[in-house]
Amino acid sequence: MKFIPLFLLLLLLSSCSLQYTINDQGGMRPKEAGFFNYKKHPFHLQDTLRLDTNSIYITHIQYRNSLDSARSCYVYYRFFNTGQVRICSTEKNKLPTTEEINNMKTGTVGYYKIKKNGRIKIEYLILVYTGRIQIWKARFDGADLLIHDNDPAETMNVMIPKWAKTTRFKKMKIADMTHSRPDW
């Protein structure tokens, strides 16, 4: 009977361990290879007419930092035909350079799947407490990508909630993009 409290304490301590690492270039990566659910059954992009792996999908955002001052930056998604995705932001208010786009060590990482109806589900690592998975839903609007912010409790729902904020990510073709294999 006295082993039950000890077991519960060990279980609690083991569940609070960090599930990610930050590399020397500030990129956030999961510690374990099996961290992502979508990695277990990876998606392989067949239709490159819809999702272009020679482009990034970019938007300009404004936000407030902890000192409550307004900031802005660019956020972009880079998709790979292996079902992997890298999400990065720029410093200050400048567009990313080709060197930044080709640097596989920066940003946060994840996986994506495209459903038969053309909807995309993006599973990626976010920095909340010890690190966890967030799923965002997206859809195409012409060449652009519309990404819907979701409540984590709603992430398994197939429908996009009416209250979800939608952000348009414009497709931007990158001439000198390198095609190396992601290491996550």
N, C-alpha and C. Protein backbone atom coordinates (compact mmCIF):
# COMPACT_ATOMS: atom_id res chain seq x y z
N MET A 1 0.82 -1.20 0.00
CA MET A 1 0.00 0.00 0.00
C MET A 1 0.87 1.27 0.00
N LYS A 2 2.03 1.22 0.69
CA LYS A 2 2.88 2.41 0.71
C LYS A 2 3.63 2.62 -0.60
N PHE A 3 3.57 1.67 -1.51
CA PHE A 3 4.19 1.84 -2.82
C PHE A 3 3.34 2.69 -3.76
N ILE A 4 2.06 2.80 -3.52
CA ILE A 4 1.17 3.57 -4.40
C ILE A 4 1.55 5.05 -4.40
N PRO A 5 1.74 5.72 -3.24
CA PRO A 5 2.15 7.14 -3.30
C PRO A 5 3.51 7.32 -3.98
N LEU A 6 4.45 6.40 -3.73
CA LEU A 6 5.76 6.48 -4.37
C LEU A 6 5.63 6.33 -5.88
N PHE A 7 4.80 5.39 -6.32
CA PHE A 7 4.56 5.18 -7.75
C PHE A 7 3.94 6.42 -8.38
N LEU A 8 2.96 7.03 -7.71
CA LEU A 8 2.31 8.23 -8.25
C LEU A 8 3.30 9.40 -8.33
N LEU A 9 4.19 9.52 -7.33
CA LEU A 9 5.21 10.57 -7.36
C LEU A 9 6.17 10.37 -8.53
N LEU A 10 6.62 9.15 -8.75
CA LEU A 10 7.52 8.85 -9.87
C LEU A 10 6.84 9.10 -11.21
N LEU A 11 5.58 8.74 -11.30
CA LEU A 11 4.82 8.98 -12.53
C LEU A 11 4.70 10.47 -12.81
N LEU A 12 4.42 11.25 -11.79
CA LEU A 12 4.30 12.70 -11.94
C LEU A 12 5.63 13.32 -12.37
N LEU A 13 6.71 12.93 -11.73
CA LEU A 13 8.03 13.48 -12.08
C LEU A 13 8.45 13.10 -13.50
N SER A 14 8.17 11.88 -13.91
CA SER A 14 8.56 11.47 -15.26
C SER A 14 7.74 12.16 -16.33
N SER A 15 6.49 12.52 -16.03
CA SER A 15 5.66 13.18 -17.03
C SER A 15 5.99 14.65 -17.16
N CYS A 16 6.72 15.21 -16.20
CA CYS A 16 7.07 16.63 -16.24
C CYS A 16 8.42 16.89 -16.90
N SER A 17 9.08 15.89 -17.40
CA SER A 17 10.38 16.11 -18.02
C SER A 17 10.22 16.80 -19.37
N LEU A 18 11.22 17.55 -19.75
CA LEU A 18 11.17 18.26 -21.02
C LEU A 18 11.13 17.27 -22.18
N GLN A 19 10.26 17.54 -23.15
CA GLN A 19 10.12 16.67 -24.30
C GLN A 19 10.75 17.27 -25.55
N TYR A 20 11.50 18.36 -25.39
CA TYR A 20 12.12 19.01 -26.53
C TYR A 20 13.51 19.50 -26.15
N THR A 21 14.29 19.83 -27.17
CA THR A 21 15.59 20.46 -26.96
C THR A 21 15.66 21.70 -27.85
N ILE A 22 16.50 22.63 -27.47
CA ILE A 22 16.76 23.82 -28.28
C ILE A 22 18.19 23.68 -28.79
N ASN A 23 18.36 23.67 -30.12
CA ASN A 23 19.72 23.50 -30.66
C ASN A 23 20.49 24.81 -30.63
N ASP A 24 21.72 24.77 -31.09
CA ASP A 24 22.61 25.94 -31.03
C ASP A 24 22.15 27.10 -31.90
N GLN A 25 21.21 26.87 -32.82
CA GLN A 25 20.70 27.95 -33.67
C GLN A 25 19.28 28.36 -33.27
N GLY A 26 18.83 27.87 -32.11
CA GLY A 26 17.52 28.27 -31.60
C GLY A 26 16.36 27.43 -32.10
N GLY A 27 16.64 26.38 -32.86
CA GLY A 27 15.57 25.52 -33.36
C GLY A 27 15.06 24.58 -32.28
N MET A 28 13.76 24.41 -32.20
CA MET A 28 13.15 23.53 -31.21
C MET A 28 12.86 22.17 -31.86
N ARG A 29 13.39 21.11 -31.23
CA ARG A 29 13.24 19.75 -31.76
C ARG A 29 12.76 18.82 -30.65
N PRO A 30 11.93 17.83 -30.99
CA PRO A 30 11.53 16.85 -29.98
C PRO A 30 12.70 15.97 -29.60
N LYS A 31 12.74 15.52 -28.34
CA LYS A 31 13.81 14.64 -27.89
C LYS A 31 13.66 13.24 -28.45
N GLU A 32 12.43 12.76 -28.55
CA GLU A 32 12.20 11.39 -28.99
C GLU A 32 11.73 11.35 -30.43
N ALA A 33 12.21 10.37 -31.16
CA ALA A 33 11.84 10.23 -32.58
C ALA A 33 10.35 9.98 -32.77
N GLY A 34 9.71 9.31 -31.83
CA GLY A 34 8.29 8.98 -31.96
C GLY A 34 7.36 10.00 -31.34
N PHE A 35 7.83 11.23 -31.12
CA PHE A 35 7.04 12.27 -30.47
C PHE A 35 5.77 12.61 -31.25
N PHE A 36 5.86 12.67 -32.57
CA PHE A 36 4.73 13.06 -33.41
C PHE A 36 3.89 11.86 -33.81
N ASN A 37 2.57 12.00 -33.70
CA ASN A 37 1.67 10.94 -34.13
C ASN A 37 1.72 10.75 -35.64
N TYR A 38 1.82 11.85 -36.40
CA TYR A 38 1.81 11.77 -37.86
C TYR A 38 3.07 11.12 -38.41
N LYS A 39 4.13 11.06 -37.62
CA LYS A 39 5.37 10.42 -38.07
C LYS A 39 5.20 8.91 -38.17
N LYS A 40 4.30 8.36 -37.36
CA LYS A 40 4.10 6.91 -37.34
C LYS A 40 3.53 6.41 -38.67
N HIS A 41 2.72 7.22 -39.32
CA HIS A 41 2.16 6.91 -40.64
C HIS A 41 2.37 8.13 -41.52
N PRO A 42 3.60 8.35 -42.00
CA PRO A 42 3.91 9.59 -42.70
C PRO A 42 3.13 9.75 -44.02
N PHE A 43 2.84 10.99 -44.31
CA PHE A 43 2.17 11.37 -45.54
C PHE A 43 3.24 11.64 -46.59
N HIS A 44 3.04 11.19 -47.81
CA HIS A 44 3.98 11.49 -48.90
C HIS A 44 3.23 12.28 -49.96
N LEU A 45 3.69 13.48 -50.20
CA LEU A 45 3.03 14.39 -51.12
C LEU A 45 3.13 13.88 -52.55
N GLN A 46 1.99 13.70 -53.19
CA GLN A 46 1.93 13.29 -54.59
C GLN A 46 1.56 14.46 -55.49
N ASP A 47 0.62 15.29 -55.04
CA ASP A 47 0.09 16.38 -55.85
C ASP A 47 0.81 17.68 -55.51
N THR A 48 1.88 17.98 -56.23
CA THR A 48 2.64 19.20 -55.96
C THR A 48 2.01 20.43 -56.63
N LEU A 49 0.89 20.24 -57.31
CA LEU A 49 0.18 21.39 -57.88
C LEU A 49 -0.52 22.17 -56.77
N ARG A 50 -0.99 21.48 -55.74
CA ARG A 50 -1.68 22.14 -54.63
C ARG A 50 -0.70 22.73 -53.62
N LEU A 51 0.21 21.92 -53.14
CA LEU A 51 1.17 22.35 -52.13
C LEU A 51 2.55 22.34 -52.79
N ASP A 52 3.15 23.50 -52.90
CA ASP A 52 4.41 23.65 -53.62
C ASP A 52 5.58 23.57 -52.67
N THR A 53 6.42 22.55 -52.81
CA THR A 53 7.59 22.40 -51.94
C THR A 53 8.79 23.24 -52.41
N ASN A 54 8.61 24.00 -53.47
CA ASN A 54 9.63 24.95 -53.93
C ASN A 54 9.28 26.37 -53.50
N SER A 55 8.31 26.48 -52.61
CA SER A 55 7.85 27.77 -52.11
C SER A 55 7.74 27.73 -50.60
N ILE A 56 7.62 28.91 -50.02
CA ILE A 56 7.23 29.00 -48.62
C ILE A 56 5.85 29.65 -48.60
N TYR A 57 5.16 29.51 -47.50
CA TYR A 57 3.87 30.15 -47.30
C TYR A 57 4.07 31.11 -46.14
N ILE A 58 3.89 32.41 -46.40
CA ILE A 58 4.35 33.45 -45.48
C ILE A 58 3.25 34.46 -45.18
N THR A 59 3.31 35.00 -43.95
CA THR A 59 2.39 36.07 -43.56
C THR A 59 3.12 37.03 -42.63
N HIS A 60 2.59 38.23 -42.53
CA HIS A 60 3.13 39.25 -41.62
C HIS A 60 2.18 39.32 -40.43
N ILE A 61 2.73 39.22 -39.22
CA ILE A 61 1.88 39.28 -38.02
C ILE A 61 2.33 40.40 -37.10
N GLN A 62 1.39 40.87 -36.30
CA GLN A 62 1.69 41.84 -35.25
C GLN A 62 1.28 41.19 -33.94
N TYR A 63 2.07 41.41 -32.90
CA TYR A 63 1.80 40.82 -31.60
C TYR A 63 2.33 41.73 -30.51
N ARG A 64 2.03 41.39 -29.27
CA ARG A 64 2.53 42.13 -28.12
C ARG A 64 3.47 41.23 -27.33
N ASN A 65 4.59 41.78 -26.90
CA ASN A 65 5.51 40.99 -26.08
C ASN A 65 5.16 41.15 -24.60
N SER A 66 5.97 40.56 -23.74
CA SER A 66 5.68 40.59 -22.30
C SER A 66 5.73 42.00 -21.72
N LEU A 67 6.40 42.92 -22.38
CA LEU A 67 6.44 44.30 -21.92
C LEU A 67 5.30 45.12 -22.51
N ASP A 68 4.39 44.45 -23.20
CA ASP A 68 3.20 45.04 -23.79
C ASP A 68 3.51 46.08 -24.86
N SER A 69 4.60 45.89 -25.57
CA SER A 69 4.89 46.77 -26.69
C SER A 69 4.60 46.02 -27.99
N ALA A 70 4.11 46.75 -28.97
CA ALA A 70 3.74 46.13 -30.24
C ALA A 70 4.98 45.72 -31.02
N ARG A 71 4.94 44.54 -31.59
CA ARG A 71 6.02 44.00 -32.42
C ARG A 71 5.41 43.44 -33.69
N SER A 72 6.27 43.20 -34.67
CA SER A 72 5.79 42.53 -35.88
C SER A 72 6.93 41.72 -36.47
N CYS A 73 6.56 40.68 -37.20
CA CYS A 73 7.54 39.83 -37.87
C CYS A 73 6.83 39.04 -38.97
N TYR A 74 7.60 38.31 -39.73
CA TYR A 74 7.04 37.40 -40.73
C TYR A 74 7.12 35.98 -40.18
N VAL A 75 6.09 35.21 -40.44
CA VAL A 75 6.06 33.79 -40.08
C VAL A 75 5.88 33.03 -41.38
N TYR A 76 6.65 31.93 -41.54
CA TYR A 76 6.49 31.15 -42.76
C TYR A 76 6.53 29.66 -42.47
N TYR A 77 5.87 28.93 -43.35
CA TYR A 77 5.84 27.47 -43.33
C TYR A 77 6.60 26.97 -44.55
N ARG A 78 7.45 25.99 -44.33
CA ARG A 78 8.12 25.32 -45.45
C ARG A 78 7.73 23.85 -45.38
N PHE A 79 7.09 23.38 -46.43
CA PHE A 79 6.60 22.00 -46.50
C PHE A 79 7.56 21.14 -47.32
N PHE A 80 7.67 19.88 -46.94
CA PHE A 80 8.52 18.91 -47.63
C PHE A 80 7.63 17.78 -48.15
N ASN A 81 8.04 17.14 -49.25
CA ASN A 81 7.21 16.08 -49.82
C ASN A 81 7.18 14.82 -48.96
N THR A 82 7.96 14.79 -47.89
CA THR A 82 7.99 13.65 -46.96
C THR A 82 6.94 13.77 -45.86
N GLY A 83 6.09 14.79 -45.91
CA GLY A 83 5.08 15.00 -44.88
C GLY A 83 5.59 15.82 -43.70
N GLN A 84 6.76 16.39 -43.82
CA GLN A 84 7.34 17.19 -42.75
C GLN A 84 7.15 18.68 -43.05
N VAL A 85 7.15 19.48 -42.00
CA VAL A 85 6.98 20.92 -42.14
C VAL A 85 7.88 21.62 -41.11
N ARG A 86 8.39 22.78 -41.51
CA ARG A 86 9.20 23.61 -40.62
C ARG A 86 8.54 24.99 -40.55
N ILE A 87 8.37 25.49 -39.34
CA ILE A 87 7.71 26.77 -39.13
C ILE A 87 8.74 27.73 -38.52
N CYS A 88 8.92 28.87 -39.15
CA CYS A 88 9.93 29.84 -38.70
C CYS A 88 9.35 31.24 -38.66
N SER A 89 10.02 32.09 -37.91
CA SER A 89 9.68 33.51 -37.93
C SER A 89 10.97 34.29 -38.12
N THR A 90 10.83 35.49 -38.62
CA THR A 90 11.99 36.34 -38.86
C THR A 90 12.20 37.26 -37.67
N GLU A 91 13.40 37.78 -37.56
CA GLU A 91 13.66 38.79 -36.55
C GLU A 91 13.14 40.13 -37.06
N LYS A 92 12.55 40.85 -36.16
CA LYS A 92 12.02 42.18 -36.45
C LYS A 92 11.03 42.12 -37.61
N ASN A 93 11.15 43.02 -38.53
CA ASN A 93 10.14 43.18 -39.56
C ASN A 93 10.75 43.02 -40.95
N LYS A 94 11.46 41.92 -41.19
CA LYS A 94 12.11 41.73 -42.48
C LYS A 94 11.76 40.37 -43.07
N LEU A 95 11.75 40.32 -44.37
CA LEU A 95 11.49 39.05 -45.06
C LEU A 95 12.67 38.09 -44.85
N PRO A 96 12.41 36.79 -44.84
CA PRO A 96 13.52 35.84 -44.66
C PRO A 96 14.43 35.82 -45.88
N THR A 97 15.70 35.61 -45.63
CA THR A 97 16.66 35.47 -46.73
C THR A 97 16.64 34.01 -47.21
N THR A 98 17.19 33.76 -48.37
CA THR A 98 17.29 32.39 -48.89
C THR A 98 18.13 31.54 -47.94
N GLU A 99 19.17 32.12 -47.37
CA GLU A 99 20.00 31.39 -46.41
C GLU A 99 19.19 30.96 -45.19
N GLU A 100 18.34 31.84 -44.68
CA GLU A 100 17.48 31.49 -43.54
C GLU A 100 16.49 30.39 -43.91
N ILE A 101 15.92 30.48 -45.09
CA ILE A 101 14.95 29.49 -45.53
C ILE A 101 15.60 28.12 -45.69
N ASN A 102 16.83 28.09 -46.16
CA ASN A 102 17.55 26.82 -46.38
C ASN A 102 18.19 26.25 -45.11
N ASN A 103 18.23 27.02 -44.04
CA ASN A 103 18.85 26.56 -42.78
C ASN A 103 17.88 25.62 -42.06
N MET A 104 18.16 24.33 -42.06
CA MET A 104 17.27 23.33 -41.48
C MET A 104 17.36 23.25 -39.96
N LYS A 105 18.22 24.02 -39.34
CA LYS A 105 18.41 23.94 -37.89
C LYS A 105 17.55 24.94 -37.12
N THR A 106 16.87 25.85 -37.82
CA THR A 106 16.07 26.87 -37.14
C THR A 106 14.60 26.49 -37.12
N GLY A 107 13.84 27.23 -36.34
CA GLY A 107 12.38 27.07 -36.30
C GLY A 107 11.92 25.88 -35.48
N THR A 108 10.63 25.67 -35.53
CA THR A 108 10.03 24.50 -34.89
C THR A 108 9.56 23.57 -36.00
N VAL A 109 9.36 22.31 -35.67
CA VAL A 109 9.12 21.31 -36.70
C VAL A 109 7.84 20.54 -36.44
N GLY A 110 7.40 19.85 -37.48
CA GLY A 110 6.21 19.04 -37.36
C GLY A 110 5.97 18.21 -38.60
N TYR A 111 4.75 17.71 -38.68
CA TYR A 111 4.31 16.87 -39.79
C TYR A 111 2.95 17.34 -40.25
N TYR A 112 2.60 17.00 -41.49
CA TYR A 112 1.29 17.39 -42.01
C TYR A 112 0.70 16.23 -42.80
N LYS A 113 -0.62 16.30 -42.97
CA LYS A 113 -1.35 15.36 -43.83
C LYS A 113 -2.35 16.17 -44.63
N ILE A 114 -2.56 15.76 -45.87
CA ILE A 114 -3.60 16.38 -46.69
C ILE A 114 -4.71 15.35 -46.85
N LYS A 115 -5.91 15.73 -46.45
CA LYS A 115 -7.07 14.84 -46.54
C LYS A 115 -7.56 14.80 -47.99
N LYS A 116 -8.42 13.85 -48.29
CA LYS A 116 -8.98 13.71 -49.65
C LYS A 116 -9.75 14.95 -50.07
N ASN A 117 -10.36 15.65 -49.09
CA ASN A 117 -11.13 16.85 -49.42
C ASN A 117 -10.24 18.09 -49.58
N GLY A 118 -8.90 17.93 -49.51
CA GLY A 118 -7.97 19.03 -49.70
C GLY A 118 -7.62 19.78 -48.43
N ARG A 119 -8.24 19.44 -47.31
CA ARG A 119 -7.91 20.07 -46.03
C ARG A 119 -6.57 19.54 -45.52
N ILE A 120 -5.85 20.38 -44.84
CA ILE A 120 -4.54 20.01 -44.31
C ILE A 120 -4.61 20.03 -42.79
N LYS A 121 -3.98 19.04 -42.16
CA LYS A 121 -3.82 19.04 -40.71
C LYS A 121 -2.33 19.09 -40.44
N ILE A 122 -1.91 20.06 -39.64
CA ILE A 122 -0.51 20.28 -39.33
C ILE A 122 -0.29 19.99 -37.84
N GLU A 123 0.57 19.04 -37.57
CA GLU A 123 0.91 18.66 -36.20
C GLU A 123 2.32 19.18 -35.93
N TYR A 124 2.48 20.05 -34.94
CA TYR A 124 3.81 20.61 -34.70
C TYR A 124 4.06 20.80 -33.21
N LEU A 125 5.32 20.95 -32.87
CA LEU A 125 5.77 21.10 -31.50
C LEU A 125 5.62 22.55 -31.07
N ILE A 126 4.98 22.78 -29.92
CA ILE A 126 4.88 24.14 -29.39
C ILE A 126 5.51 24.18 -28.01
N LEU A 127 5.95 25.34 -27.63
CA LEU A 127 6.63 25.54 -26.35
C LEU A 127 5.59 25.91 -25.30
N VAL A 128 5.02 24.91 -24.67
CA VAL A 128 4.09 25.10 -23.55
C VAL A 128 4.56 24.17 -22.45
N TYR A 129 4.98 24.72 -21.34
CA TYR A 129 5.50 23.95 -20.21
C TYR A 129 6.64 23.05 -20.67
N THR A 130 6.38 21.75 -20.83
CA THR A 130 7.45 20.82 -21.18
C THR A 130 7.50 20.53 -22.67
N GLY A 131 6.65 21.12 -23.45
CA GLY A 131 6.57 20.87 -24.89
C GLY A 131 5.42 19.94 -25.17
N ARG A 132 4.63 20.28 -26.18
CA ARG A 132 3.52 19.40 -26.55
C ARG A 132 3.18 19.61 -28.01
N ILE A 133 2.25 18.80 -28.47
CA ILE A 133 1.84 18.85 -29.87
C ILE A 133 0.60 19.72 -29.99
N GLN A 134 0.57 20.53 -31.02
CA GLN A 134 -0.61 21.32 -31.39
C GLN A 134 -1.00 20.91 -32.81
N ILE A 135 -2.27 20.86 -33.09
CA ILE A 135 -2.73 20.55 -34.45
C ILE A 135 -3.51 21.74 -34.97
N TRP A 136 -3.10 22.23 -36.12
CA TRP A 136 -3.81 23.30 -36.79
C TRP A 136 -4.40 22.75 -38.07
N LYS A 137 -5.54 23.31 -38.45
CA LYS A 137 -6.19 22.93 -39.69
C LYS A 137 -5.97 24.04 -40.71
N ALA A 138 -5.86 23.65 -41.96
CA ALA A 138 -5.63 24.63 -43.02
C ALA A 138 -6.38 24.19 -44.27
N ARG A 139 -6.55 25.11 -45.19
CA ARG A 139 -7.15 24.80 -46.48
C ARG A 139 -6.57 25.74 -47.52
N PHE A 140 -6.70 25.36 -48.76
CA PHE A 140 -6.19 26.17 -49.85
C PHE A 140 -7.23 27.20 -50.28
N ASP A 141 -6.75 28.36 -50.67
CA ASP A 141 -7.57 29.38 -51.29
C ASP A 141 -6.77 29.89 -52.47
N GLY A 142 -6.99 29.29 -53.64
CA GLY A 142 -6.14 29.55 -54.79
C GLY A 142 -4.76 28.99 -54.49
N ALA A 143 -3.71 29.81 -54.64
CA ALA A 143 -2.34 29.37 -54.34
C ALA A 143 -1.99 29.58 -52.87
N ASP A 144 -2.81 30.36 -52.15
CA ASP A 144 -2.53 30.67 -50.75
C ASP A 144 -3.03 29.57 -49.82
N LEU A 145 -2.56 29.64 -48.60
CA LEU A 145 -2.95 28.69 -47.57
C LEU A 145 -3.63 29.46 -46.45
N LEU A 146 -4.83 29.03 -46.06
CA LEU A 146 -5.54 29.63 -44.94
C LEU A 146 -5.37 28.72 -43.73
N ILE A 147 -4.76 29.22 -42.68
CA ILE A 147 -4.53 28.42 -41.47
C ILE A 147 -5.44 28.93 -40.38
N HIS A 148 -6.13 27.99 -39.74
CA HIS A 148 -7.12 28.31 -38.72
C HIS A 148 -6.55 28.02 -37.34
N ASP A 149 -6.58 29.01 -36.45
CA ASP A 149 -6.17 28.80 -35.06
C ASP A 149 -7.24 27.96 -34.39
N ASN A 150 -6.81 26.95 -33.68
CA ASN A 150 -7.75 26.04 -33.02
C ASN A 150 -7.51 25.99 -31.53
N ASP A 151 -8.57 25.77 -30.81
CA ASP A 151 -8.48 25.45 -29.38
C ASP A 151 -7.95 24.03 -29.30
N PRO A 152 -6.93 23.77 -28.46
CA PRO A 152 -6.39 22.41 -28.37
C PRO A 152 -7.44 21.35 -28.11
N ALA A 153 -8.52 21.69 -27.42
CA ALA A 153 -9.59 20.72 -27.15
C ALA A 153 -10.36 20.37 -28.41
N GLU A 154 -10.28 21.23 -29.42
CA GLU A 154 -11.03 21.02 -30.65
C GLU A 154 -10.20 20.41 -31.77
N THR A 155 -8.95 20.07 -31.52
CA THR A 155 -8.04 19.69 -32.59
C THR A 155 -8.43 18.40 -33.30
N MET A 156 -9.15 17.52 -32.64
CA MET A 156 -9.52 16.27 -33.29
C MET A 156 -10.82 16.40 -34.07
N ASN A 157 -11.49 17.51 -33.94
CA ASN A 157 -12.74 17.75 -34.64
C ASN A 157 -12.45 17.96 -36.13
N VAL A 158 -13.25 17.38 -36.99
CA VAL A 158 -13.01 17.50 -38.43
C VAL A 158 -13.42 18.88 -38.93
N MET A 159 -14.45 19.46 -38.35
CA MET A 159 -14.93 20.76 -38.79
C MET A 159 -14.07 21.87 -38.19
N ILE A 160 -13.95 22.96 -38.91
CA ILE A 160 -13.23 24.13 -38.40
C ILE A 160 -14.24 24.96 -37.62
N PRO A 161 -13.99 25.23 -36.34
CA PRO A 161 -14.95 26.00 -35.55
C PRO A 161 -15.21 27.37 -36.16
N LYS A 162 -16.44 27.85 -36.05
CA LYS A 162 -16.80 29.14 -36.62
C LYS A 162 -16.01 30.28 -35.99
N TRP A 163 -15.60 30.12 -34.72
CA TRP A 163 -14.89 31.18 -34.02
C TRP A 163 -13.41 31.21 -34.36
N ALA A 164 -12.92 30.22 -35.08
CA ALA A 164 -11.48 30.12 -35.34
C ALA A 164 -10.99 31.32 -36.16
N LYS A 165 -9.88 31.88 -35.74
CA LYS A 165 -9.25 32.97 -36.47
C LYS A 165 -8.51 32.37 -37.67
N THR A 166 -8.68 32.97 -38.81
CA THR A 166 -8.03 32.47 -40.02
C THR A 166 -6.94 33.45 -40.44
N THR A 167 -5.77 32.91 -40.73
CA THR A 167 -4.64 33.72 -41.19
C THR A 167 -4.26 33.27 -42.60
N ARG A 168 -4.13 34.21 -43.51
CA ARG A 168 -3.75 33.91 -44.89
C ARG A 168 -2.23 33.91 -45.01
N PHE A 169 -1.70 32.80 -45.50
CA PHE A 169 -0.27 32.67 -45.78
C PHE A 169 -0.11 32.67 -47.30
N LYS A 170 0.56 33.69 -47.80
CA LYS A 170 0.76 33.84 -49.25
C LYS A 170 1.88 32.93 -49.72
N LYS A 171 1.67 32.33 -50.86
CA LYS A 171 2.70 31.49 -51.47
C LYS A 171 3.79 32.39 -52.04
N MET A 172 5.06 32.09 -51.68
CA MET A 172 6.19 32.86 -52.19
C MET A 172 7.20 31.87 -52.77
N LYS A 173 7.40 31.94 -54.07
CA LYS A 173 8.36 31.06 -54.76
C LYS A 173 9.78 31.46 -54.38
N ILE A 174 10.62 30.45 -54.08
CA ILE A 174 12.01 30.70 -53.69
C ILE A 174 12.91 30.08 -54.76
N ALA A 175 13.69 30.92 -55.44
CA ALA A 175 14.50 30.47 -56.57
C ALA A 175 15.63 29.52 -56.16
N ASP A 176 16.35 29.83 -55.12
CA ASP A 176 17.54 29.06 -54.75
C ASP A 176 17.30 28.15 -53.54
N MET A 177 16.11 27.60 -53.44
CA MET A 177 15.80 26.72 -52.31
C MET A 177 16.53 25.39 -52.46
N THR A 178 17.21 24.98 -51.39
CA THR A 178 17.88 23.68 -51.42
C THR A 178 16.90 22.60 -50.95
N HIS A 179 17.11 21.40 -51.43
CA HIS A 179 16.18 20.30 -51.11
C HIS A 179 16.89 19.22 -50.32
N SER A 180 17.33 19.57 -49.12
CA SER A 180 17.94 18.58 -48.25
C SER A 180 16.85 17.88 -47.43
N ARG A 181 17.16 16.71 -46.95
CA ARG A 181 16.20 15.93 -46.17
C ARG A 181 16.17 16.44 -44.73
N PRO A 182 14.99 16.75 -44.19
CA PRO A 182 14.92 17.20 -42.80
C PRO A 182 15.42 16.12 -41.84
N ASP A 183 15.98 16.56 -40.71
CA ASP A 183 16.58 15.61 -39.77
C ASP A 183 15.71 15.32 -38.54
N TRP A 184 14.43 15.61 -38.61
CA TRP A 184 13.55 15.31 -37.49
C TRP A 184 12.57 14.22 -37.84
